C-alpha atoms as a PDB file:
ATOM      1  CA  MET A   1       3.716   7.458  16.815  1.00  0.00           C
ATOM      2  CA  LEU A   2       6.297   4.571  16.019  1.00  0.00           C
ATOM      3  CA  ASN A   3       4.325   2.302  18.119  1.00  0.00           C
ATOM      4  CA  GLN A   4       1.247   2.806  15.954  1.00  0.00           C
ATOM      5  CA  ILE A   5       3.022   2.829  12.387  1.00  0.00           C
ATOM      6  CA  ILE A   6       5.434  -0.028  13.008  1.00  0.00           C
ATOM      7  CA  PRO A   7       2.710  -2.645  13.442  1.00  0.00           C
ATOM      8  CA  ILE A   8       0.944  -1.483  10.512  1.00  0.00           C
ATOM      9  CA  LEU A   9       3.899  -1.688   8.362  1.00  0.00           C
ATOM     10  CA  GLU A  10       4.938  -5.031   9.587  1.00  0.00           C
ATOM     11  CA  SER A  11       1.629  -6.743   9.260  1.00  0.00           C
ATOM     12  CA  THR A  12       0.601  -5.553   5.869  1.00  0.00           C
ATOM     13  CA  PRO A  13       2.685  -8.203   4.058  1.00  0.00           C
ATOM     14  CA  GLN A  14       1.054 -11.076   6.005  1.00  0.00           C
ATOM     15  CA  ARG A  15      -2.709  -9.646   5.166  1.00  0.00           C
ATOM     16  CA  TRP A  16      -1.569  -9.648   1.600  1.00  0.00           C
ATOM     17  CA  ALA A  17       0.079 -13.085   1.759  1.00  0.00           C
ATOM     18  CA  ARG A  18      -3.360 -14.492   3.096  1.00  0.00           C
ATOM     19  CA  MET A  19      -5.674 -12.557   0.854  1.00  0.00           C
ATOM     20  CA  LEU A  20      -3.710 -13.451  -2.407  1.00  0.00           C
ATOM     21  CA  GLY A  21      -3.086 -16.827  -1.322  1.00  0.00           C
ATOM     22  CA  ASP A  22      -6.461 -17.869   0.215  1.00  0.00           C
ATOM     23  CA  TYR A  23      -9.011 -16.087  -2.047  1.00  0.00           C
ATOM     24  CA  PRO A  24     -10.156 -17.203  -5.237  1.00  0.00           C
ATOM     25  CA  ALA A  25      -8.553 -15.406  -8.267  1.00  0.00           C
ATOM     26  CA  GLU A  26     -12.003 -14.615  -9.205  1.00  0.00           C
ATOM     27  CA  LEU A  27     -12.319 -12.232  -6.342  1.00  0.00           C
ATOM     28  CA  THR A  28      -8.705 -10.969  -6.457  1.00  0.00           C
ATOM     29  CA  GLY A  29      -8.662 -10.159 -10.028  1.00  0.00           C
ATOM     30  CA  ARG A  30     -12.004  -8.711 -10.185  1.00  0.00           C
ATOM     31  CA  LYS A  31     -12.464  -4.817 -10.848  1.00  0.00           C
ATOM     32  CA  PRO A  32     -15.228  -3.673  -8.719  1.00  0.00           C
ATOM     33  CA  ALA A  33     -16.131  -0.998 -11.467  1.00  0.00           C
ATOM     34  CA  PRO A  34     -14.183  -0.422 -14.808  1.00  0.00           C
ATOM     35  CA  SER A  35     -12.255   2.711 -13.301  1.00  0.00           C
ATOM     36  CA  GLU A  36     -11.350   0.845 -10.193  1.00  0.00           C
ATOM     37  CA  TRP A  37      -8.648  -1.413  -9.115  1.00  0.00           C
ATOM     38  CA  SER A  38      -8.952  -4.975  -8.445  1.00  0.00           C
ATOM     39  CA  ALA A  39      -7.160  -6.508  -5.487  1.00  0.00           C
ATOM     40  CA  VAL A  40      -4.110  -7.669  -7.601  1.00  0.00           C
ATOM     41  CA  GLU A  41      -3.757  -4.299  -9.312  1.00  0.00           C
ATOM     42  CA  CYS A  42      -3.743  -2.638  -5.737  1.00  0.00           C
ATOM     43  CA  ILE A  43      -0.750  -4.914  -4.672  1.00  0.00           C
ATOM     44  CA  VAL A  44       0.787  -4.090  -7.946  1.00  0.00           C
ATOM     45  CA  HIS A  45       0.841  -0.472  -7.002  1.00  0.00           C
ATOM     46  CA  MET A  46       2.041  -1.104  -3.670  1.00  0.00           C
ATOM     47  CA  LEU A  47       4.921  -3.072  -4.729  1.00  0.00           C
ATOM     48  CA  GLU A  48       5.842  -0.436  -7.347  1.00  0.00           C
ATOM     49  CA  SER A  49       5.507   2.384  -4.440  1.00  0.00           C
ATOM     50  CA  GLU A  50       7.576   0.701  -1.866  1.00  0.00           C
ATOM     51  CA  PRO A  51      10.939   1.699  -3.096  1.00  0.00           C
ATOM     52  CA  LEU A  52       9.955   5.022  -3.111  1.00  0.00           C
ATOM     53  CA  PHE A  53       8.796   5.117   0.460  1.00  0.00           C
ATOM     54  CA  HIS A  54      11.980   3.685   1.560  1.00  0.00           C
ATOM     55  CA  HIS A  55      14.086   6.035  -0.639  1.00  0.00           C
ATOM     56  CA  ARG A  56      12.297   9.120   0.824  1.00  0.00           C
ATOM     57  CA  LEU A  57      12.834   7.521   4.252  1.00  0.00           C
ATOM     58  CA  LYS A  58      16.516   7.395   3.720  1.00  0.00           C
ATOM     59  CA  ALA A  59      16.383  10.958   2.398  1.00  0.00           C
ATOM     60  CA  PHE A  60      14.993  12.220   5.507  1.00  0.00           C
ATOM     61  CA  LEU A  61      17.331  10.397   7.624  1.00  0.00           C
ATOM     62  CA  ALA A  62      20.169  12.024   5.618  1.00  0.00           C
ATOM     63  CA  GLY A  63      18.915  15.393   5.581  1.00  0.00           C
ATOM     64  CA  GLU A  64      18.033  15.711   2.025  1.00  0.00           C
ATOM     65  CA  PRO A  65      16.292  18.987   1.544  1.00  0.00           C
ATOM     66  CA  THR A  66      14.150  17.797  -1.420  1.00  0.00           C
ATOM     67  CA  LEU A  67      11.932  14.375  -1.952  1.00  0.00           C
ATOM     68  CA  SER A  68      11.660  12.961  -5.286  1.00  0.00           C
ATOM     69  CA  PRO A  69       8.111  12.818  -6.982  1.00  0.00           C
ATOM     70  CA  PHE A  70       6.788   9.367  -7.580  1.00  0.00           C
ATOM     71  CA  ASN A  71       7.157   8.543 -11.176  1.00  0.00           C
ATOM     72  CA  PRO A  72       6.739   4.773 -11.558  1.00  0.00           C
ATOM     73  CA  ASP A  73       8.963   2.991 -14.437  1.00  0.00           C
ATOM     74  CA  PRO A  74       6.380   1.862 -16.888  1.00  0.00           C
ATOM     75  CA  GLU A  75       8.695  -1.262 -17.762  1.00  0.00           C
ATOM     76  CA  GLU A  76       9.037  -2.004 -14.132  1.00  0.00           C
ATOM     77  CA  THR A  77       5.322  -1.752 -13.606  1.00  0.00           C
ATOM     78  CA  LYS A  78       4.751  -4.148 -16.687  1.00  0.00           C
ATOM     79  CA  ALA A  79       7.216  -6.774 -15.112  1.00  0.00           C
ATOM     80  CA  ILE A  80       5.415  -6.361 -11.554  1.00  0.00           C
ATOM     81  CA  ALA A  81       2.216  -6.788 -13.096  1.00  0.00           C
ATOM     82  CA  ALA A  82       2.936  -9.795 -14.872  1.00  0.00           C
ATOM     83  CA  MET A  83       3.534 -11.903 -11.810  1.00  0.00           C
ATOM     84  CA  SER A  84       1.234 -14.183 -10.345  1.00  0.00           C
ATOM     85  CA  PRO A  85      -0.415 -13.318  -6.881  1.00  0.00           C
ATOM     86  CA  ALA A  86       1.511 -15.377  -4.911  1.00  0.00           C
ATOM     87  CA  GLU A  87       4.801 -13.860  -6.532  1.00  0.00           C
ATOM     88  CA  LEU A  88       3.286 -10.288  -6.003  1.00  0.00           C
ATOM     89  CA  ALA A  89       2.917 -11.079  -2.225  1.00  0.00           C
ATOM     90  CA  ALA A  90       6.271 -12.761  -1.715  1.00  0.00           C
ATOM     91  CA  ALA A  91       8.115  -9.991  -3.683  1.00  0.00           C
ATOM     92  CA  PHE A  92       6.201  -7.315  -1.613  1.00  0.00           C
ATOM     93  CA  ALA A  93       6.829  -8.870   1.749  1.00  0.00           C
ATOM     94  CA  ALA A  94      10.539  -9.435   0.915  1.00  0.00           C
ATOM     95  CA  GLN A  95      10.740  -5.624  -0.244  1.00  0.00           C
ATOM     96  CA  ARG A  96       8.912  -4.937   2.939  1.00  0.00           C
ATOM     97  CA  ALA A  97      11.409  -6.691   5.357  1.00  0.00           C
ATOM     98  CA  GLU A  98      14.539  -5.060   4.054  1.00  0.00           C
ATOM     99  CA  ASN A  99      12.516  -1.778   4.355  1.00  0.00           C
ATOM    100  CA  LEU A 100      11.213  -2.498   8.021  1.00  0.00           C
ATOM    101  CA  ALA A 101      15.408  -2.781   9.006  1.00  0.00           C
ATOM    102  CA  THR A 102      15.428   0.877   8.136  1.00  0.00           C
ATOM    103  CA  VAL A 103      12.316   2.026   9.589  1.00  0.00           C
ATOM    104  CA  ARG A 104      13.340   0.090  13.090  1.00  0.00           C
ATOM    105  CA  LYS A 105      16.419   2.715  13.061  1.00  0.00           C
ATOM    106  CA  VAL A 106      14.064   5.346  13.478  1.00  0.00           C
ATOM    107  CA  VAL A 107      14.218   6.971  17.002  1.00  0.00           C
ATOM    108  CA  ALA A 108      11.511   9.620  18.361  1.00  0.00           C
ATOM    109  CA  ASP A 109      13.890  12.667  17.901  1.00  0.00           C
ATOM    110  CA  ASP A 110      14.009  11.900  13.935  1.00  0.00           C
ATOM    111  CA  LEU A 111      10.215  12.087  13.647  1.00  0.00           C
ATOM    112  CA  ALA A 112      10.752  15.798  13.459  1.00  0.00           C
ATOM    113  CA  ARG A 113      13.348  15.980  10.566  1.00  0.00           C
ATOM    114  CA  THR A 114      12.077  17.829   7.631  1.00  0.00           C
ATOM    115  CA  SER A 115      12.385  17.805   3.583  1.00  0.00           C
ATOM    116  CA  THR A 116      10.364  19.370   1.002  1.00  0.00           C
ATOM    117  CA  HIS A 117       8.052  17.651  -1.270  1.00  0.00           C
ATOM    118  CA  THR A 118       7.891  19.131  -4.904  1.00  0.00           C
ATOM    119  CA  ARG A 119       4.020  19.363  -4.709  1.00  0.00           C
ATOM    120  CA  LEU A 120       2.801  19.283  -1.225  1.00  0.00           C
ATOM    121  CA  GLY A 121       5.669  21.640   0.498  1.00  0.00           C
ATOM    122  CA  PRO A 122       7.574  21.053   3.979  1.00  0.00           C
ATOM    123  CA  LEU A 123       6.914  17.621   5.325  1.00  0.00           C
ATOM    124  CA  THR A 124       8.349  15.693   8.636  1.00  0.00           C
ATOM    125  CA  LEU A 125       9.624  12.415   8.952  1.00  0.00           C
ATOM    126  CA  ALA A 126       6.338  11.656  11.088  1.00  0.00           C
ATOM    127  CA  ASN A 127       4.276  12.950   7.952  1.00  0.00           C
ATOM    128  CA  HIS A 128       5.927  10.455   5.658  1.00  0.00           C
ATOM    129  CA  LEU A 129       5.823   7.479   8.012  1.00  0.00           C
ATOM    130  CA  SER A 130       2.152   8.375   8.730  1.00  0.00           C
ATOM    131  CA  GLU A 131       1.459   8.617   5.125  1.00  0.00           C
ATOM    132  CA  TRP A 132       3.049   5.061   4.487  1.00  0.00           C
ATOM    133  CA  ALA A 133       1.032   3.710   6.977  1.00  0.00           C
ATOM    134  CA  ALA A 134      -2.175   5.235   5.888  1.00  0.00           C
ATOM    135  CA  HIS A 135      -1.470   4.128   2.147  1.00  0.00           C
ATOM    136  CA  ASP A 136      -0.710   0.556   3.315  1.00  0.00           C
ATOM    137  CA  LEU A 137      -4.360   0.556   5.089  1.00  0.00           C
ATOM    138  CA  SER A 138      -6.018   2.523   2.247  1.00  0.00           C
ATOM    139  CA  HIS A 139      -5.215  -0.156  -0.389  1.00  0.00           C
ATOM    140  CA  THR A 140      -5.886  -2.826   1.831  1.00  0.00           C
ATOM    141  CA  VAL A 141      -9.286  -1.686   2.379  1.00  0.00           C
ATOM    142  CA  GLN A 142      -9.751  -0.770  -1.456  1.00  0.00           C
ATOM    143  CA  ALA A 143      -8.489  -4.500  -2.258  1.00  0.00           C
ATOM    144  CA  GLU A 144     -10.835  -5.697   0.386  1.00  0.00           C
ATOM    145  CA  GLU A 145     -13.825  -3.653  -1.057  1.00  0.00           C
ATOM    146  CA  ALA A 146     -13.182  -4.668  -4.708  1.00  0.00           C
ATOM    147  CA  MET A 147     -13.543  -8.190  -3.430  1.00  0.00           C
ATOM    148  CA  MET A 148     -16.700  -7.327  -1.616  1.00  0.00           C
ATOM    149  CA  GLN A 149     -18.643  -6.303  -4.215  1.00  0.00           C
ATOM    150  CA  PRO A 150     -19.762  -9.599  -6.116  1.00  0.00           C
ATOM    151  CA  LEU A 151     -20.712 -10.855  -2.330  1.00  0.00           C
ATOM    152  CA  ILE A 152     -22.502  -7.809  -1.718  1.00  0.00           C
ATOM    153  CA  GLU A 153     -24.723  -8.100  -5.004  1.00  0.00           C
ATOM    154  CA  ALA A 154     -24.971 -11.964  -3.921  1.00  0.00           C
ATOM    155  CA  ALA A 155     -26.553 -10.788  -0.532  1.00  0.00           C
ATOM    156  CA  GLY A 156     -29.841  -9.931  -1.812  1.00  0.00           C
ATOM    157  CA  PRO A 157     -31.931  -7.631   0.791  1.00  0.00           C
ATOM    158  CA  PHE A 158     -28.709  -7.803   3.135  1.00  0.00           C
ATOM    159  CA  HIS A 159     -27.117  -5.271   0.667  1.00  0.00           C
ATOM    160  CA  ILE A 160     -28.320  -2.649   2.745  1.00  0.00           C
ATOM    161  CA  PHE A 161     -25.866  -3.466   5.455  1.00  0.00           C
ATOM    162  CA  PHE A 162     -22.769  -2.897   2.976  1.00  0.00           C
ATOM    163  CA  GLU A 163     -24.112   0.704   1.499  1.00  0.00           C
ATOM    164  CA  ALA A 164     -20.463   2.347   2.931  1.00  0.00           C
ATOM    165  CA  HIS A 165     -18.422  -0.389   0.959  1.00  0.00           C
ATOM    166  CA  LYS A 166     -20.440  -0.455  -2.463  1.00  0.00           C
ATOM    167  CA  VAL A 167     -18.282   0.791  -5.116  1.00  0.00           C
ATOM    168  CA  LYS A 168     -20.071   3.111  -7.431  1.00  0.00           C
ATOM    169  CA  ALA A 169     -19.563   2.364 -11.103  1.00  0.00           C
END
């Protein structure tokens, strides 16, 4: 399991650095629909979530019985949202590099460690790490789909090949 999760957690910052560094702002800042997030909004969320994932990982490893809920600090979110795309990618990469140092200390026996989420109930460290990697992939795909929307619209008759990726308004 760790051999699946760690490569995802390791590669996500590079994917975001390429996306936010190479793609035009008209794509990365564009919302696919009024209630959906742009790519930049996705990375803002990932950056504000990253400390929570690390905190929960340390809680599992320390044997803490209860996991804290996700309550982002509005002021911190505001400060993160004010960063440029390049700054967001760099901040995410730096924070992830620190967090990976802890992830790499996890051994197979640790995966069965348990704690209780206040809303979801009992969880294992394996559940937590899987959710972390899925969270990375989910928001990266969400960002890519947001950027696809104007391209799908401009594809004319080819739009039929992208039905699974169309964001419904």
